[in-house]
C-alpha atoms as a PDB file:
ATOM      1  CA  MET A   1     -47.563  28.721  16.018  1.00  0.00           C
ATOM      2  CA  ILE A   2     -49.045  27.010  12.973  1.00  0.00           C
ATOM      3  CA  THR A   3     -47.528  23.552  12.590  1.00  0.00           C
ATOM      4  CA  ASN A   4     -49.894  21.591  10.338  1.00  0.00           C
ATOM      5  CA  ILE A   5     -48.531  22.890   7.022  1.00  0.00           C
ATOM      6  CA  ASP A   6     -48.769  20.991   3.734  1.00  0.00           C
ATOM      7  CA  LYS A   7     -45.756  21.558   1.474  1.00  0.00           C
ATOM      8  CA  LEU A   8     -47.062  21.378  -2.106  1.00  0.00           C
ATOM      9  CA  HIS A   9     -44.215  22.143  -4.536  1.00  0.00           C
ATOM     10  CA  ASN A  10     -40.582  23.224  -4.734  1.00  0.00           C
ATOM     11  CA  TRP A  11     -38.843  24.823  -7.699  1.00  0.00           C
ATOM     12  CA  LYS A  12     -35.062  25.004  -8.063  1.00  0.00           C
ATOM     13  CA  LEU A  13     -33.710  28.240  -9.496  1.00  0.00           C
ATOM     14  CA  ARG A  14     -30.613  28.483 -11.674  1.00  0.00           C
ATOM     15  CA  ASP A  15     -28.643  30.058  -8.839  1.00  0.00           C
ATOM     16  CA  GLY A  16     -29.361  27.047  -6.618  1.00  0.00           C
ATOM     17  CA  SER A  17     -32.045  28.735  -4.524  1.00  0.00           C
ATOM     18  CA  THR A  18     -35.435  27.125  -3.991  1.00  0.00           C
ATOM     19  CA  ILE A  19     -38.896  28.644  -4.110  1.00  0.00           C
ATOM     20  CA  GLY A  20     -41.628  26.610  -2.434  1.00  0.00           C
ATOM     21  CA  LEU A  21     -45.391  26.642  -2.178  1.00  0.00           C
ATOM     22  CA  GLN A  22     -47.222  25.497   0.953  1.00  0.00           C
ATOM     23  CA  LYS A  23     -50.702  25.714   2.425  1.00  0.00           C
ATOM     24  CA  PHE A  24     -52.579  25.304   5.686  1.00  0.00           C
ATOM     25  CA  ALA A  25     -56.199  25.563   6.825  1.00  0.00           C
ATOM     26  CA  ILE A  26     -57.392  29.004   7.902  1.00  0.00           C
ATOM     27  CA  GLN A  27     -58.855  27.288  10.946  1.00  0.00           C
ATOM     28  CA  GLU A  28     -55.271  26.553  12.030  1.00  0.00           C
ATOM     29  CA  ALA A  29     -54.570  30.288  11.991  1.00  0.00           C
ATOM     30  CA  MET A  30     -57.777  31.103  13.854  1.00  0.00           C
ATOM     31  CA  SER A  31     -56.883  28.603  16.585  1.00  0.00           C
ATOM     32  CA  HIS A  32     -53.464  30.255  16.862  1.00  0.00           C
ATOM     33  CA  PHE A  33     -55.037  33.722  17.134  1.00  0.00           C
ATOM     34  CA  ALA A  34     -57.208  32.557  20.050  1.00  0.00           C
ATOM     35  CA  SER A  35     -54.093  32.581  22.243  1.00  0.00           C
ATOM     36  CA  PHE A  36     -53.517  36.320  21.680  1.00  0.00           C
ATOM     37  CA  ASP A  37     -53.853  38.587  24.713  1.00  0.00           C
ATOM     38  CA  ALA A  38     -56.676  40.958  25.670  1.00  0.00           C
ATOM     39  CA  PRO A  39     -57.939  43.601  25.568  1.00  0.00           C
ATOM     40  CA  ILE A  40     -58.919  42.994  21.944  1.00  0.00           C
ATOM     41  CA  LEU A  41     -60.207  45.591  19.471  1.00  0.00           C
ATOM     42  CA  HIS A  42     -62.082  44.554  16.321  1.00  0.00           C
ATOM     43  CA  ILE A  43     -62.230  47.354  13.727  1.00  0.00           C
ATOM     44  CA  GLY A  44     -65.124  46.967  11.287  1.00  0.00           C
ATOM     45  CA  SER A  45     -66.947  44.486  13.498  1.00  0.00           C
ATOM     46  CA  LYS A  46     -70.536  44.881  12.259  1.00  0.00           C
ATOM     47  CA  ALA A  47     -72.021  41.547  11.201  1.00  0.00           C
ATOM     48  CA  SER A  48     -72.272  41.668   7.408  1.00  0.00           C
ATOM     49  CA  ILE A  49     -71.196  39.713   4.336  1.00  0.00           C
ATOM     50  CA  LEU A  50     -67.895  38.561   5.875  1.00  0.00           C
ATOM     51  CA  ASP A  51     -69.308  37.883   9.327  1.00  0.00           C
ATOM     52  CA  THR A  52     -72.935  36.866   8.898  1.00  0.00           C
ATOM     53  CA  ASP A  53     -73.013  34.746  12.068  1.00  0.00           C
ATOM     54  CA  GLY A  54     -72.678  37.901  14.169  1.00  0.00           C
ATOM     55  CA  GLY A  55     -69.203  37.562  15.603  1.00  0.00           C
ATOM     56  CA  LYS A  56     -66.882  34.849  14.317  1.00  0.00           C
ATOM     57  CA  TRP A  57     -63.892  36.753  15.700  1.00  0.00           C
ATOM     58  CA  ARG A  58     -65.518  37.409  19.063  1.00  0.00           C
ATOM     59  CA  LYS A  59     -66.287  33.702  19.427  1.00  0.00           C
ATOM     60  CA  HIS A  60     -62.575  32.904  19.172  1.00  0.00           C
ATOM     61  CA  PHE A  61     -61.823  35.049  22.217  1.00  0.00           C
ATOM     62  CA  VAL A  62     -64.462  33.823  24.655  1.00  0.00           C
ATOM     63  CA  GLY A  63     -63.753  35.006  28.200  1.00  0.00           C
ATOM     64  CA  LYS A  64     -61.460  37.827  27.049  1.00  0.00           C
ATOM     65  CA  GLU A  65     -62.246  41.541  26.931  1.00  0.00           C
ATOM     66  CA  PHE A  66     -63.370  42.138  23.332  1.00  0.00           C
ATOM     67  CA  ILE A  67     -64.562  45.431  21.849  1.00  0.00           C
ATOM     68  CA  GLY A  68     -66.068  45.788  18.386  1.00  0.00           C
ATOM     69  CA  VAL A  69     -66.261  49.159  16.605  1.00  0.00           C
ATOM     70  CA  ASP A  70     -67.811  50.186  13.311  1.00  0.00           C
ATOM     71  CA  LEU A  71     -69.129  53.221  11.463  1.00  0.00           C
ATOM     72  CA  GLU A  72     -72.684  52.435  12.578  1.00  0.00           C
ATOM     73  CA  MET A  73     -74.416  50.377  15.233  1.00  0.00           C
ATOM     74  CA  GLY A  74     -75.478  46.809  14.514  1.00  0.00           C
ATOM     75  CA  ASP A  75     -74.898  43.239  15.544  1.00  0.00           C
ATOM     76  CA  ASN A  76     -71.464  42.737  17.113  1.00  0.00           C
ATOM     77  CA  VAL A  77     -70.800  46.500  17.484  1.00  0.00           C
ATOM     78  CA  ASP A  78     -70.034  47.851  20.965  1.00  0.00           C
ATOM     79  CA  HIS A  79     -69.142  51.402  19.971  1.00  0.00           C
ATOM     80  CA  VAL A  80     -69.608  53.557  16.888  1.00  0.00           C
ATOM     81  CA  PHE A  81     -66.204  54.867  15.853  1.00  0.00           C
ATOM     82  CA  ASP A  82     -64.495  55.918  12.626  1.00  0.00           C
ATOM     83  CA  ILE A  83     -60.893  54.637  12.661  1.00  0.00           C
ATOM     84  CA  THR A  84     -59.878  57.561  10.417  1.00  0.00           C
ATOM     85  CA  LYS A  85     -60.733  60.008  13.232  1.00  0.00           C
ATOM     86  CA  ASN A  86     -58.837  61.064  16.356  1.00  0.00           C
ATOM     87  CA  ILE A  87     -58.290  57.983  18.507  1.00  0.00           C
ATOM     88  CA  SER A  88     -58.789  59.941  21.730  1.00  0.00           C
ATOM     89  CA  THR A  89     -62.544  59.580  21.115  1.00  0.00           C
ATOM     90  CA  LEU A  90     -62.254  55.790  21.158  1.00  0.00           C
ATOM     91  CA  ARG A  91     -60.071  55.855  24.261  1.00  0.00           C
ATOM     92  CA  LYS A  92     -62.715  57.896  26.080  1.00  0.00           C
ATOM     93  CA  LYS A  93     -65.501  55.562  24.975  1.00  0.00           C
ATOM     94  CA  THR A  94     -63.713  52.360  25.983  1.00  0.00           C
ATOM     95  CA  GLY A  95     -61.548  53.579  28.843  1.00  0.00           C
ATOM     96  CA  ILE A  96     -58.652  51.721  27.186  1.00  0.00           C
ATOM     97  CA  LYS A  97     -55.574  53.563  25.976  1.00  0.00           C
ATOM     98  CA  GLN A  98     -53.909  50.665  24.152  1.00  0.00           C
ATOM     99  CA  PHE A  99     -54.907  47.127  23.132  1.00  0.00           C
ATOM    100  CA  SER A 100     -52.938  43.892  23.172  1.00  0.00           C
ATOM    101  CA  THR A 101     -54.625  42.618  20.015  1.00  0.00           C
ATOM    102  CA  ILE A 102     -56.244  44.534  17.146  1.00  0.00           C
ATOM    103  CA  ILE A 103     -58.226  42.814  14.393  1.00  0.00           C
ATOM    104  CA  CYS A 104     -58.700  44.796  11.188  1.00  0.00           C
ATOM    105  CA  PRO A 105     -60.057  42.605   8.373  1.00  0.00           C
ATOM    106  CA  HIS A 106     -61.013  44.153   5.023  1.00  0.00           C
ATOM    107  CA  VAL A 107     -61.064  47.757   6.202  1.00  0.00           C
ATOM    108  CA  LEU A 108     -57.931  49.401   4.772  1.00  0.00           C
ATOM    109  CA  GLU A 109     -59.158  49.149   1.168  1.00  0.00           C
ATOM    110  CA  HIS A 110     -62.182  51.264   2.154  1.00  0.00           C
ATOM    111  CA  VAL A 111     -60.379  54.273   3.650  1.00  0.00           C
ATOM    112  CA  LYS A 112     -59.052  57.186   1.620  1.00  0.00           C
ATOM    113  CA  ASN A 113     -55.783  57.366   3.566  1.00  0.00           C
ATOM    114  CA  PRO A 114     -54.575  53.904   4.676  1.00  0.00           C
ATOM    115  CA  PHE A 115     -51.345  55.419   6.068  1.00  0.00           C
ATOM    116  CA  GLU A 116     -53.410  57.485   8.502  1.00  0.00           C
ATOM    117  CA  VAL A 117     -55.388  54.442   9.619  1.00  0.00           C
ATOM    118  CA  ALA A 118     -52.276  52.268   9.967  1.00  0.00           C
ATOM    119  CA  SER A 119     -50.761  54.991  12.160  1.00  0.00           C
ATOM    120  CA  ASN A 120     -53.885  55.002  14.354  1.00  0.00           C
ATOM    121  CA  ILE A 121     -53.718  51.217  14.691  1.00  0.00           C
ATOM    122  CA  GLU A 122     -50.063  51.407  15.741  1.00  0.00           C
ATOM    123  CA  LYS A 123     -50.882  54.074  18.327  1.00  0.00           C
ATOM    124  CA  LEU A 124     -53.701  51.948  19.739  1.00  0.00           C
ATOM    125  CA  LEU A 125     -51.477  48.871  19.937  1.00  0.00           C
ATOM    126  CA  LYS A 126     -49.361  48.122  22.984  1.00  0.00           C
ATOM    127  CA  LYS A 127     -45.653  47.514  22.575  1.00  0.00           C
ATOM    128  CA  GLY A 128     -45.364  43.811  21.789  1.00  0.00           C
ATOM    129  CA  GLY A 129     -49.057  43.705  20.859  1.00  0.00           C
ATOM    130  CA  ARG A 130     -50.305  42.052  17.694  1.00  0.00           C
ATOM    131  CA  ALA A 131     -52.511  43.303  14.877  1.00  0.00           C
ATOM    132  CA  ILE A 132     -54.231  40.906  12.463  1.00  0.00           C
ATOM    133  CA  ILE A 133     -54.667  42.640   9.106  1.00  0.00           C
ATOM    134  CA  SER A 134     -56.471  41.372   6.002  1.00  0.00           C
ATOM    135  CA  VAL A 135     -56.839  43.231   2.695  1.00  0.00           C
ATOM    136  CA  PRO A 136     -57.964  42.113  -0.766  1.00  0.00           C
ATOM    137  CA  TRP A 137     -55.290  41.543  -3.370  1.00  0.00           C
ATOM    138  CA  VAL A 138     -57.702  40.430  -6.101  1.00  0.00           C
ATOM    139  CA  GLN A 139     -61.379  41.282  -5.733  1.00  0.00           C
ATOM    140  CA  GLY A 140     -64.158  43.036  -7.609  1.00  0.00           C
ATOM    141  CA  PHE A 141     -65.016  46.656  -6.864  1.00  0.00           C
ATOM    142  CA  HIS A 142     -67.359  46.828  -3.884  1.00  0.00           C
ATOM    143  CA  GLU A 143     -68.887  49.293  -1.417  1.00  0.00           C
ATOM    144  CA  PHE A 144     -68.748  49.622   2.448  1.00  0.00           C
ATOM    145  CA  PRO A 145     -68.911  52.595   1.827  1.00  0.00           C
ATOM    146  CA  ASN A 146     -66.428  52.882  -1.066  1.00  0.00           C
ATOM    147  CA  ASP A 147     -63.476  50.932  -2.468  1.00  0.00           C
ATOM    148  CA  TYR A 148     -60.058  52.556  -3.020  1.00  0.00           C
ATOM    149  CA  TRP A 149     -57.103  50.176  -2.734  1.00  0.00           C
ATOM    150  CA  ARG A 150     -55.552  46.746  -3.294  1.00  0.00           C
ATOM    151  CA  ILE A 151     -52.498  46.227  -1.070  1.00  0.00           C
ATOM    152  CA  SER A 152     -49.601  43.766  -1.378  1.00  0.00           C
ATOM    153  CA  PHE A 153     -47.410  42.347   1.383  1.00  0.00           C
ATOM    154  CA  GLU A 154     -44.804  44.973   0.514  1.00  0.00           C
ATOM    155  CA  GLY A 155     -47.507  47.635   0.685  1.00  0.00           C
ATOM    156  CA  LEU A 156     -48.456  46.548   4.209  1.00  0.00           C
ATOM    157  CA  LYS A 157     -44.810  46.773   5.233  1.00  0.00           C
ATOM    158  CA  GLN A 158     -44.835  50.402   4.126  1.00  0.00           C
ATOM    159  CA  LEU A 159     -48.015  51.050   6.130  1.00  0.00           C
ATOM    160  CA  PHE A 160     -46.808  49.357   9.344  1.00  0.00           C
ATOM    161  CA  GLN A 161     -43.187  50.461   9.543  1.00  0.00           C
ATOM    162  CA  ASN A 162     -43.121  50.339  13.353  1.00  0.00           C
ATOM    163  CA  CYS A 163     -44.026  46.656  13.407  1.00  0.00           C
ATOM    164  CA  ASP A 164     -42.363  43.327  12.675  1.00  0.00           C
ATOM    165  CA  PHE A 165     -44.193  40.787  10.531  1.00  0.00           C
ATOM    166  CA  GLU A 166     -44.812  37.561  12.427  1.00  0.00           C
ATOM    167  CA  LEU A 167     -47.066  35.744   9.940  1.00  0.00           C
ATOM    168  CA  GLU A 168     -48.116  36.305   6.336  1.00  0.00           C
ATOM    169  CA  TYR A 169     -50.283  34.324   3.946  1.00  0.00           C
ATOM    170  CA  TYR A 170     -52.717  34.553   1.048  1.00  0.00           C
ATOM    171  CA  SER A 171     -56.272  33.288   1.565  1.00  0.00           C
ATOM    172  CA  ASP A 172     -58.874  32.100  -0.904  1.00  0.00           C
ATOM    173  CA  ALA A 173     -62.276  33.703  -1.395  1.00  0.00           C
ATOM    174  CA  LYS A 174     -64.030  31.351   1.035  1.00  0.00           C
ATOM    175  CA  GLU A 175     -61.343  32.016   3.668  1.00  0.00           C
ATOM    176  CA  GLU A 176     -60.771  28.298   4.103  1.00  0.00           C
ATOM    177  CA  THR A 177     -57.222  27.825   2.837  1.00  0.00           C
ATOM    178  CA  ALA A 178     -54.007  29.809   3.345  1.00  0.00           C
ATOM    179  CA  TYR A 179     -51.124  29.765   0.852  1.00  0.00           C
ATOM    180  CA  GLN A 180     -47.521  30.827   1.399  1.00  0.00           C
ATOM    181  CA  LEU A 181     -44.455  31.083  -0.805  1.00  0.00           C
ATOM    182  CA  THR A 182     -41.031  30.272   0.634  1.00  0.00           C
ATOM    183  CA  TYR A 183     -37.520  31.241  -0.413  1.00  0.00           C
ATOM    184  CA  ASP A 184     -34.917  28.692   0.680  1.00  0.00           C
ATOM    185  CA  GLY A 185     -37.378  27.387   3.242  1.00  0.00           C
ATOM    186  CA  MET A 186     -38.387  30.753   4.734  1.00  0.00           C
ATOM    187  CA  VAL A 187     -41.789  32.333   4.088  1.00  0.00           C
ATOM    188  CA  GLU A 188     -41.344  35.249   1.702  1.00  0.00           C
ATOM    189  CA  HIS A 189     -43.549  37.162  -0.736  1.00  0.00           C
ATOM    190  CA  SER A 190     -41.246  39.502  -2.626  1.00  0.00           C
ATOM    191  CA  VAL A 191     -39.747  40.323  -5.996  1.00  0.00           C
ATOM    192  CA  ARG A 192     -37.600  37.175  -5.607  1.00  0.00           C
ATOM    193  CA  THR A 193     -40.659  34.930  -5.512  1.00  0.00           C
ATOM    194  CA  CYS A 194     -42.903  36.878  -7.891  1.00  0.00           C
ATOM    195  CA  ARG A 195     -42.253  34.806 -11.025  1.00  0.00           C
ATOM    196  CA  ILE A 196     -43.472  31.626  -9.371  1.00  0.00           C
ATOM    197  CA  GLU A 197     -46.303  33.599  -7.799  1.00  0.00           C
ATOM    198  CA  ARG A 198     -47.653  34.988 -11.041  1.00  0.00           C
ATOM    199  CA  ASN A 199     -47.428  31.580 -12.693  1.00  0.00           C
ATOM    200  CA  ILE A 200     -49.399  29.570 -10.131  1.00  0.00           C
ATOM    201  CA  PHE A 201     -51.950  31.996  -8.715  1.00  0.00           C
ATOM    202  CA  GLN A 202     -54.307  31.948 -11.677  1.00  0.00           C
ATOM    203  CA  PHE A 203     -58.015  31.490 -12.176  1.00  0.00           C
ATOM    204  CA  LEU A 204     -58.566  28.546 -14.525  1.00  0.00           C
ATOM    205  CA  MET A 205     -61.636  28.353 -16.742  1.00  0.00           C
ATOM    206  CA  ASP A 206     -62.828  25.960 -19.412  1.00  0.00           C
ATOM    207  CA  ASP A 207     -61.574  26.930 -22.884  1.00  0.00           C
ATOM    208  CA  MET A 208     -58.769  29.004 -21.352  1.00  0.00           C
ATOM    209  CA  PRO A 209     -56.753  30.828 -24.033  1.00  0.00           C
ATOM    210  CA  SER A 210     -53.290  29.441 -24.669  1.00  0.00           C
ATOM    211  CA  GLN A 211     -50.695  30.830 -22.245  1.00  0.00           C
ATOM    212  CA  PRO A 212     -47.283  29.539 -23.409  1.00  0.00           C
ATOM    213  CA  MET A 213     -45.372  31.601 -20.828  1.00  0.00           C
ATOM    214  CA  PHE A 214     -47.070  29.569 -18.071  1.00  0.00           C
ATOM    215  CA  SER A 215     -46.799  26.145 -19.683  1.00  0.00           C
ATOM    216  CA  ASP A 216     -43.943  25.082 -17.381  1.00  0.00           C
ATOM    217  CA  HIS A 217     -46.358  25.140 -14.440  1.00  0.00           C
ATOM    218  CA  GLU A 218     -49.319  23.375 -15.999  1.00  0.00           C
ATOM    219  CA  GLY A 219     -51.219  21.362 -13.379  1.00  0.00           C
ATOM    220  CA  GLU A 220     -49.741  23.384 -10.515  1.00  0.00           C
ATOM    221  CA  LYS A 221     -52.278  26.208 -10.444  1.00  0.00           C
ATOM    222  CA  ILE A 222     -54.054  27.197  -7.241  1.00  0.00           C
ATOM    223  CA  HIS A 223     -57.851  27.182  -7.070  1.00  0.00           C
ATOM    224  CA  LEU A 224     -58.781  30.595  -5.750  1.00  0.00           C
ATOM    225  CA  SER A 225     -62.429  31.216  -6.438  1.00  0.00           C
ATOM    226  CA  SER A 226     -65.572  30.080  -8.194  1.00  0.00           C
ATOM    227  CA  MET A 227     -67.118  33.511  -7.701  1.00  0.00           C
ATOM    228  CA  TYR A 228     -67.928  36.082 -10.364  1.00  0.00           C
ATOM    229  CA  MET A 229     -64.229  36.794 -10.658  1.00  0.00           C
ATOM    230  CA  PRO A 230     -60.981  35.607  -9.025  1.00  0.00           C
ATOM    231  CA  ALA A 231     -60.610  36.618  -5.389  1.00  0.00           C
ATOM    232  CA  MET A 232     -57.760  36.323  -2.907  1.00  0.00           C
ATOM    233  CA  SER A 233     -56.640  38.271   0.139  1.00  0.00           C
ATOM    234  CA  VAL A 234     -53.347  39.272   1.724  1.00  0.00           C
ATOM    235  CA  ASN A 235     -53.175  38.533   5.464  1.00  0.00           C
ATOM    236  CA  VAL A 236     -50.537  39.407   8.058  1.00  0.00           C
ATOM    237  CA  VAL A 237     -49.940  39.416  11.782  1.00  0.00           C
ATOM    238  CA  VAL A 238     -47.708  42.305  12.847  1.00  0.00           C
ATOM    239  CA  VAL A 239     -46.057  42.874  16.216  1.00  0.00           C
ATOM    240  CA  LYS A 240     -45.432  46.417  17.439  1.00  0.00           C
ATOM    241  CA  ARG A 241     -41.794  47.119  18.356  1.00  0.00           C
END
């Protein structure tokens, strides 16, 4: 589990409930993931913009059976496979029916039918197995090969209805820091926490126009990105029932 968590702020609501904001280093999460069981499947594994060192995920599972698949061959790809297709093809290629861990970072926004892909991931996951999923919540339009969706925590719960959510967090554009909201001390990203969420997760610029509706949280904004536009991702670990 992740234990080195920095609690940043707490806000008391009129009904007596408390919404909190906390953060931890992404490296803490990566160290936690390293304990996950094999065999491990990495969907969208080709070394590219997000993985220019040719296998940052693979390096966290040294000594464990690790298989990388992508739409085309390249660095860090063991098999060419399209996750939108029939999974029997992948099972024949790998000789593995189900995996203990599946890693699927920044793939679901690029498929036309994310429900279909989520179903394939669930079928490929053993009972009690974990899937690490990352999707953009705020990001500019981009290729690989096309860009269709932005998905919230609630959206991921609709996609993975046969799984329980073990961990959830936002990450910044550099994937260095994780942020979580809490409701009465428990991590939660929902309609109950959305007012605080929309007030603090902002991109601040010089000469920012006046925003009176956010004035009660001045100085408590979260730095998300210095890129061409704000960027943040939604990340979860789900466990198959």
